Amino acid sequence: MEFEPDLVLVSAGFDAYVGDPLTEMTLEQHHFASFGRWLKETGLPGAPILEGGYSNDLPILVEAFLEAWSD
């Protein structure tokens, strides 16, 4: 039996960003855009849920993710 979800909810944790003041992770803006593209390529309906990210760059990261997902 194949798994065929009706909806994929994406936990968009932007606190993995290299510039996040609360973490020590290494993801860059282009990584978040890649995640968006990968999700689009699945062809599955989805919705992102913002749950983390405290950098002043957060709006730019969210935009990169969403633009790549919707292109």
PDB file of N, CA and C in Angstrom:
ATOM      1  N   MET A   1       0.847  -1.189   0.000  1.00  0.00           N
ATOM      2  CA  MET A   1       0.000   0.000   0.000  1.00  0.00           C
ATOM      3  C   MET A   1       0.887   1.244   0.000  1.00  0.00           C
ATOM      4  N   GLU A   2       0.632   2.150  -0.924  1.00  0.00           N
ATOM      5  CA  GLU A   2       1.385   3.398  -0.985  1.00  0.00           C
ATOM      6  C   GLU A   2       0.768   4.437  -0.069  1.00  0.00           C
ATOM      7  N   PHE A   3       1.634   5.251   0.486  1.00  0.00           N
ATOM      8  CA  PHE A   3       1.174   6.366   1.314  1.00  0.00           C
ATOM      9  C   PHE A   3       0.810   7.518   0.394  1.00  0.00           C
ATOM     10  N   GLU A   4      -0.430   7.956   0.417  1.00  0.00           N
ATOM     11  CA  GLU A   4      -0.893   9.050  -0.426  1.00  0.00           C
ATOM     12  C   GLU A   4      -1.582  10.095   0.443  1.00  0.00           C
ATOM     13  N   PRO A   5      -0.815  11.005   1.021  1.00  0.00           N
ATOM     14  CA  PRO A   5      -1.414  11.992   1.915  1.00  0.00           C
ATOM     15  C   PRO A   5      -2.278  12.995   1.150  1.00  0.00           C
ATOM     16  N   ASP A   6      -3.315  13.486   1.806  1.00  0.00           N
ATOM     17  CA  ASP A   6      -4.162  14.534   1.239  1.00  0.00           C
ATOM     18  C   ASP A   6      -3.500  15.895   1.378  1.00  0.00           C
ATOM     19  N   LEU A   7      -2.644  16.028   2.390  1.00  0.00           N
ATOM     20  CA  LEU A   7      -2.006  17.301   2.675  1.00  0.00           C
ATOM     21  C   LEU A   7      -0.710  17.055   3.432  1.00  0.00           C
ATOM     22  N   VAL A   8       0.326  17.800   3.074  1.00  0.00           N
ATOM     23  CA  VAL A   8       1.604  17.727   3.776  1.00  0.00           C
ATOM     24  C   VAL A   8       1.781  19.040   4.533  1.00  0.00           C
ATOM     25  N   LEU A   9       1.915  18.963   5.842  1.00  0.00           N
ATOM     26  CA  LEU A   9       2.202  20.140   6.652  1.00  0.00           C
ATOM     27  C   LEU A   9       3.698  20.202   6.875  1.00  0.00           C
ATOM     28  N   VAL A  10       4.275  21.353   6.588  1.00  0.00           N
ATOM     29  CA  VAL A  10       5.720  21.517   6.663  1.00  0.00           C
ATOM     30  C   VAL A  10       6.059  22.387   7.866  1.00  0.00           C
ATOM     31  N   SER A  11       6.815  21.832   8.775  1.00  0.00           N
ATOM     32  CA  SER A  11       7.295  22.579   9.924  1.00  0.00           C
ATOM     33  C   SER A  11       8.476  23.421   9.468  1.00  0.00           C
ATOM     34  N   ALA A  12       8.217  24.687   9.191  1.00  0.00           N
ATOM     35  CA  ALA A  12       9.241  25.568   8.641  1.00  0.00           C
ATOM     36  C   ALA A  12      10.045  26.190   9.777  1.00  0.00           C
ATOM     37  N   GLY A  13      11.093  25.502  10.181  1.00  0.00           N
ATOM     38  CA  GLY A  13      11.940  25.951  11.279  1.00  0.00           C
ATOM     39  C   GLY A  13      13.107  26.775  10.773  1.00  0.00           C
ATOM     40  N   PHE A  14      12.911  28.061  10.685  1.00  0.00           N
ATOM     41  CA  PHE A  14      13.958  28.932  10.169  1.00  0.00           C
ATOM     42  C   PHE A  14      15.041  29.232  11.200  1.00  0.00           C
ATOM     43  N   ASP A  15      14.943  28.620  12.357  1.00  0.00           N
ATOM     44  CA  ASP A  15      15.994  28.797  13.358  1.00  0.00           C
ATOM     45  C   ASP A  15      17.254  28.008  13.005  1.00  0.00           C
ATOM     46  N   ALA A  16      17.210  27.227  11.934  1.00  0.00           N
ATOM     47  CA  ALA A  16      18.407  26.525  11.463  1.00  0.00           C
ATOM     48  C   ALA A  16      19.303  27.443  10.626  1.00  0.00           C
ATOM     49  N   TYR A  17      18.872  28.671  10.433  1.00  0.00           N
ATOM     50  CA  TYR A  17      19.617  29.669   9.657  1.00  0.00           C
ATOM     51  C   TYR A  17      20.914  30.037  10.365  1.00  0.00           C
ATOM     52  N   VAL A  18      21.968  30.205   9.584  1.00  0.00           N
ATOM     53  CA  VAL A  18      23.291  30.523  10.118  1.00  0.00           C
ATOM     54  C   VAL A  18      23.284  31.818  10.941  1.00  0.00           C
ATOM     55  N   GLY A  19      22.416  32.758  10.602  1.00  0.00           N
ATOM     56  CA  GLY A  19      22.375  34.033  11.303  1.00  0.00           C
ATOM     57  C   GLY A  19      21.386  34.095  12.446  1.00  0.00           C
ATOM     58  N   ASP A  20      20.788  32.977  12.808  1.00  0.00           N
ATOM     59  CA  ASP A  20      19.829  32.980  13.911  1.00  0.00           C
ATOM     60  C   ASP A  20      20.564  33.215  15.229  1.00  0.00           C
ATOM     61  N   PRO A  21      20.099  34.160  16.037  1.00  0.00           N
ATOM     62  CA  PRO A  21      20.817  34.490  17.272  1.00  0.00           C
ATOM     63  C   PRO A  21      20.688  33.449  18.386  1.00  0.00           C
ATOM     64  N   LEU A  22      19.763  32.506  18.253  1.00  0.00           N
ATOM     65  CA  LEU A  22      19.543  31.532  19.330  1.00  0.00           C
ATOM     66  C   LEU A  22      20.119  30.151  19.045  1.00  0.00           C
ATOM     67  N   THR A  23      20.605  29.938  17.828  1.00  0.00           N
ATOM     68  CA  THR A  23      21.119  28.610  17.479  1.00  0.00           C
ATOM     69  C   THR A  23      22.513  28.722  16.870  1.00  0.00           C
ATOM     70  N   GLU A  24      23.114  27.588  16.646  1.00  0.00           N
ATOM     71  CA  GLU A  24      24.430  27.542  16.010  1.00  0.00           C
ATOM     72  C   GLU A  24      24.384  26.585  14.826  1.00  0.00           C
ATOM     73  N   MET A  25      23.423  26.809  13.941  1.00  0.00           N
ATOM     74  CA  MET A  25      23.279  25.948  12.767  1.00  0.00           C
ATOM     75  C   MET A  25      23.827  26.674  11.545  1.00  0.00           C
ATOM     76  N   THR A  26      23.810  26.020  10.397  1.00  0.00           N
ATOM     77  CA  THR A  26      24.572  26.552   9.262  1.00  0.00           C
ATOM     78  C   THR A  26      23.787  26.728   7.959  1.00  0.00           C
ATOM     79  N   LEU A  27      22.463  26.643   7.987  1.00  0.00           N
ATOM     80  CA  LEU A  27      21.725  26.776   6.740  1.00  0.00           C
ATOM     81  C   LEU A  27      21.717  28.225   6.265  1.00  0.00           C
ATOM     82  N   GLU A  28      21.770  28.378   4.945  1.00  0.00           N
ATOM     83  CA  GLU A  28      21.778  29.700   4.304  1.00  0.00           C
ATOM     84  C   GLU A  28      20.449  29.892   3.566  1.00  0.00           C
ATOM     85  N   GLN A  29      20.241  31.093   3.047  1.00  0.00           N
ATOM     86  CA  GLN A  29      19.003  31.427   2.344  1.00  0.00           C
ATOM     87  C   GLN A  29      18.727  30.444   1.204  1.00  0.00           C
ATOM     88  N   HIS A  30      19.740  30.087   0.434  1.00  0.00           N
ATOM     89  CA  HIS A  30      19.520  29.192  -0.705  1.00  0.00           C
ATOM     90  C   HIS A  30      19.061  27.796  -0.272  1.00  0.00           C
ATOM     91  N   HIS A  31      19.404  27.386   0.941  1.00  0.00           N
ATOM     92  CA  HIS A  31      18.928  26.090   1.427  1.00  0.00           C
ATOM     93  C   HIS A  31      17.417  26.097   1.602  1.00  0.00           C
ATOM     94  N   PHE A  32      16.880  27.189   2.142  1.00  0.00           N
ATOM     95  CA  PHE A  32      15.437  27.278   2.347  1.00  0.00           C
ATOM     96  C   PHE A  32      14.704  27.313   1.009  1.00  0.00           C
ATOM     97  N   ALA A  33      15.293  27.981   0.005  1.00  0.00           N
ATOM     98  CA  ALA A  33      14.714  27.967  -1.341  1.00  0.00           C
ATOM     99  C   ALA A  33      14.734  26.541  -1.906  1.00  0.00           C
ATOM    100  N   SER A  34      15.814  25.812  -1.668  1.00  0.00           N
ATOM    101  CA  SER A  34      15.891  24.413  -2.126  1.00  0.00           C
ATOM    102  C   SER A  34      14.792  23.570  -1.495  1.00  0.00           C
ATOM    103  N   PHE A  35      14.538  23.767  -0.218  1.00  0.00           N
ATOM    104  CA  PHE A  35      13.470  23.019   0.454  1.00  0.00           C
ATOM    105  C   PHE A  35      12.131  23.298  -0.223  1.00  0.00           C
ATOM    106  N   GLY A  36      11.890  24.577  -0.542  1.00  0.00           N
ATOM    107  CA  GLY A  36      10.650  24.939  -1.229  1.00  0.00           C
ATOM    108  C   GLY A  36      10.524  24.265  -2.585  1.00  0.00           C
ATOM    109  N   ARG A  37      11.620  24.244  -3.346  1.00  0.00           N
ATOM    110  CA  ARG A  37      11.607  23.581  -4.661  1.00  0.00           C
ATOM    111  C   ARG A  37      11.353  22.085  -4.518  1.00  0.00           C
ATOM    112  N   TRP A  38      11.995  21.456  -3.554  1.00  0.00           N
ATOM    113  CA  TRP A  38      11.799  20.012  -3.346  1.00  0.00           C
ATOM    114  C   TRP A  38      10.343  19.702  -3.018  1.00  0.00           C
ATOM    115  N   LEU A  39       9.740  20.544  -2.187  1.00  0.00           N
ATOM    116  CA  LEU A  39       8.340  20.325  -1.843  1.00  0.00           C
ATOM    117  C   LEU A  39       7.445  20.473  -3.064  1.00  0.00           C
ATOM    118  N   LYS A  40       7.733  21.454  -3.892  1.00  0.00           N
ATOM    119  CA  LYS A  40       6.960  21.642  -5.117  1.00  0.00           C
ATOM    120  C   LYS A  40       7.082  20.415  -6.014  1.00  0.00           C
ATOM    121  N   GLU A  41       8.281  19.876  -6.124  1.00  0.00           N
ATOM    122  CA  GLU A  41       8.529  18.729  -6.988  1.00  0.00           C
ATOM    123  C   GLU A  41       7.763  17.479  -6.555  1.00  0.00           C
ATOM    124  N   THR A  42       7.355  17.397  -5.297  1.00  0.00           N
ATOM    125  CA  THR A  42       6.569  16.243  -4.857  1.00  0.00           C
ATOM    126  C   THR A  42       5.187  16.236  -5.495  1.00  0.00           C
ATOM    127  N   GLY A  43       4.691  17.437  -5.859  1.00  0.00           N
ATOM    128  CA  GLY A  43       3.355  17.530  -6.433  1.00  0.00           C
ATOM    129  C   GLY A  43       2.241  17.375  -5.418  1.00  0.00           C
ATOM    130  N   LEU A  44       2.595  17.269  -4.156  1.00  0.00           N
ATOM    131  CA  LEU A  44       1.591  17.086  -3.107  1.00  0.00           C
ATOM    132  C   LEU A  44       1.086  18.435  -2.602  1.00  0.00           C
ATOM    133  N   PRO A  45      -0.204  18.520  -2.268  1.00  0.00           N
ATOM    134  CA  PRO A  45      -0.687  19.761  -1.664  1.00  0.00           C
ATOM    135  C   PRO A  45      -0.066  19.917  -0.281  1.00  0.00           C
ATOM    136  N   GLY A  46       0.291  21.138   0.053  1.00  0.00           N
ATOM    137  CA  GLY A  46       0.946  21.345   1.333  1.00  0.00           C
ATOM    138  C   GLY A  46       0.704  22.720   1.893  1.00  0.00           C
ATOM    139  N   ALA A  47       1.087  22.869   3.137  1.00  0.00           N
ATOM    140  CA  ALA A  47       0.982  24.153   3.824  1.00  0.00           C
ATOM    141  C   ALA A  47       2.129  24.258   4.821  1.00  0.00           C
ATOM    142  N   PRO A  48       2.819  25.408   4.827  1.00  0.00           N
ATOM    143  CA  PRO A  48       3.896  25.595   5.801  1.00  0.00           C
ATOM    144  C   PRO A  48       3.357  26.137   7.115  1.00  0.00           C
ATOM    145  N   ILE A  49       4.000  25.726   8.194  1.00  0.00           N
ATOM    146  CA  ILE A  49       3.670  26.223   9.524  1.00  0.00           C
ATOM    147  C   ILE A  49       4.953  26.798  10.099  1.00  0.00           C
ATOM    148  N   LEU A  50       4.970  28.093  10.328  1.00  0.00           N
ATOM    149  CA  LEU A  50       6.159  28.739  10.876  1.00  0.00           C
ATOM    150  C   LEU A  50       6.248  28.437  12.360  1.00  0.00           C
ATOM    151  N   GLU A  51       7.386  27.887  12.786  1.00  0.00           N
ATOM    152  CA  GLU A  51       7.524  27.560  14.194  1.00  0.00           C
ATOM    153  C   GLU A  51       8.835  28.008  14.806  1.00  0.00           C
ATOM    154  N   GLY A  52       9.710  28.571  14.026  1.00  0.00           N
ATOM    155  CA  GLY A  52      10.980  29.004  14.596  1.00  0.00           C
ATOM    156  C   GLY A  52      11.726  29.895  13.641  1.00  0.00           C
ATOM    157  N   GLY A  53      12.560  30.701  14.185  1.00  0.00           N
ATOM    158  CA  GLY A  53      13.361  31.621  13.405  1.00  0.00           C
ATOM    159  C   GLY A  53      13.330  32.985  14.059  1.00  0.00           C
ATOM    160  N   TYR A  54      14.492  33.448  14.472  1.00  0.00           N
ATOM    161  CA  TYR A  54      14.543  34.672  15.278  1.00  0.00           C
ATOM    162  C   TYR A  54      15.510  35.697  14.717  1.00  0.00           C
ATOM    163  N   SER A  55      15.990  35.445  13.512  1.00  0.00           N
ATOM    164  CA  SER A  55      16.915  36.358  12.856  1.00  0.00           C
ATOM    165  C   SER A  55      16.130  37.525  12.256  1.00  0.00           C
ATOM    166  N   ASN A  56      16.781  38.656  12.136  1.00  0.00           N
ATOM    167  CA  ASN A  56      16.174  39.789  11.439  1.00  0.00           C
ATOM    168  C   ASN A  56      15.989  39.491   9.957  1.00  0.00           C
ATOM    169  N   ASP A  57      16.656  38.453   9.455  1.00  0.00           N
ATOM    170  CA  ASP A  57      16.537  38.043   8.055  1.00  0.00           C
ATOM    171  C   ASP A  57      15.331  37.142   7.812  1.00  0.00           C
ATOM    172  N   LEU A  58      14.539  36.878   8.824  1.00  0.00           N
ATOM    173  CA  LEU A  58      13.415  35.944   8.707  1.00  0.00           C
ATOM    174  C   LEU A  58      12.506  36.249   7.513  1.00  0.00           C
ATOM    175  N   PRO A  59      12.100  37.497   7.286  1.00  0.00           N
ATOM    176  CA  PRO A  59      11.230  37.752   6.123  1.00  0.00           C
ATOM    177  C   PRO A  59      11.865  37.331   4.791  1.00  0.00           C
ATOM    178  N   ILE A  60      13.157  37.520   4.655  1.00  0.00           N
ATOM    179  CA  ILE A  60      13.854  37.140   3.427  1.00  0.00           C
ATOM    180  C   ILE A  60      13.880  35.616   3.271  1.00  0.00           C
ATOM    181  N   LEU A  61      14.086  34.911   4.365  1.00  0.00           N
ATOM    182  CA  LEU A  61      14.128  33.453   4.333  1.00  0.00           C
ATOM    183  C   LEU A  61      12.762  32.876   3.983  1.00  0.00           C
ATOM    184  N   VAL A  62      11.726  33.414   4.608  1.00  0.00           N
ATOM    185  CA  VAL A  62      10.367  32.946   4.331  1.00  0.00           C
ATOM    186  C   VAL A  62      10.014  33.209   2.868  1.00  0.00           C
ATOM    187  N   GLU A  63      10.361  34.374   2.374  1.00  0.00           N
ATOM    188  CA  GLU A  63      10.075  34.713   0.984  1.00  0.00           C
ATOM    189  C   GLU A  63      10.801  33.763   0.023  1.00  0.00           C
ATOM    190  N   ALA A  64      12.074  33.461   0.295  1.00  0.00           N
ATOM    191  CA  ALA A  64      12.837  32.550  -0.565  1.00  0.00           C
ATOM    192  C   ALA A  64      12.182  31.169  -0.590  1.00  0.00           C
ATOM    193  N   PHE A  65      11.774  30.693   0.567  1.00  0.00           N
ATOM    194  CA  PHE A  65      11.116  29.386   0.690  1.00  0.00           C
ATOM    195  C   PHE A  65       9.805  29.363  -0.087  1.00  0.00           C
ATOM    196  N   LEU A  66       8.948  30.356   0.144  1.00  0.00           N
ATOM    197  CA  LEU A  66       7.633  30.378  -0.486  1.00  0.00           C
ATOM    198  C   LEU A  66       7.703  30.628  -1.994  1.00  0.00           C
ATOM    199  N   GLU A  67       8.600  31.497  -2.420  1.00  0.00           N
ATOM    200  CA  GLU A  67       8.734  31.738  -3.863  1.00  0.00           C
ATOM    201  C   GLU A  67       9.174  30.477  -4.592  1.00  0.00           C
ATOM    202  N   ALA A  68      10.122  29.760  -4.036  1.00  0.00           N
ATOM    203  CA  ALA A  68      10.597  28.528  -4.673  1.00  0.00           C
ATOM    204  C   ALA A  68       9.496  27.464  -4.681  1.00  0.00           C
ATOM    205  N   TRP A  69       8.684  27.433  -3.647  1.00  0.00           N
ATOM    206  CA  TRP A  69       7.604  26.452  -3.561  1.00  0.00           C
ATOM    207  C   TRP A  69       6.503  26.757  -4.572  1.00  0.00           C
ATOM    208  N   SER A  70       6.260  28.035  -4.820  1.00  0.00           N
ATOM    209  CA  SER A  70       5.137  28.408  -5.674  1.00  0.00           C
ATOM    210  C   SER A  70       5.503  28.655  -7.128  1.00  0.00           C
ATOM    211  N   ASP A  71       6.788  28.765  -7.449  1.00  0.00           N
ATOM    212  CA  ASP A  71       7.184  29.025  -8.847  1.00  0.00           C
ATOM    213  C   ASP A  71       6.735  27.947  -9.779  1.00  0.00           C
TER     214      ASP A  71
END
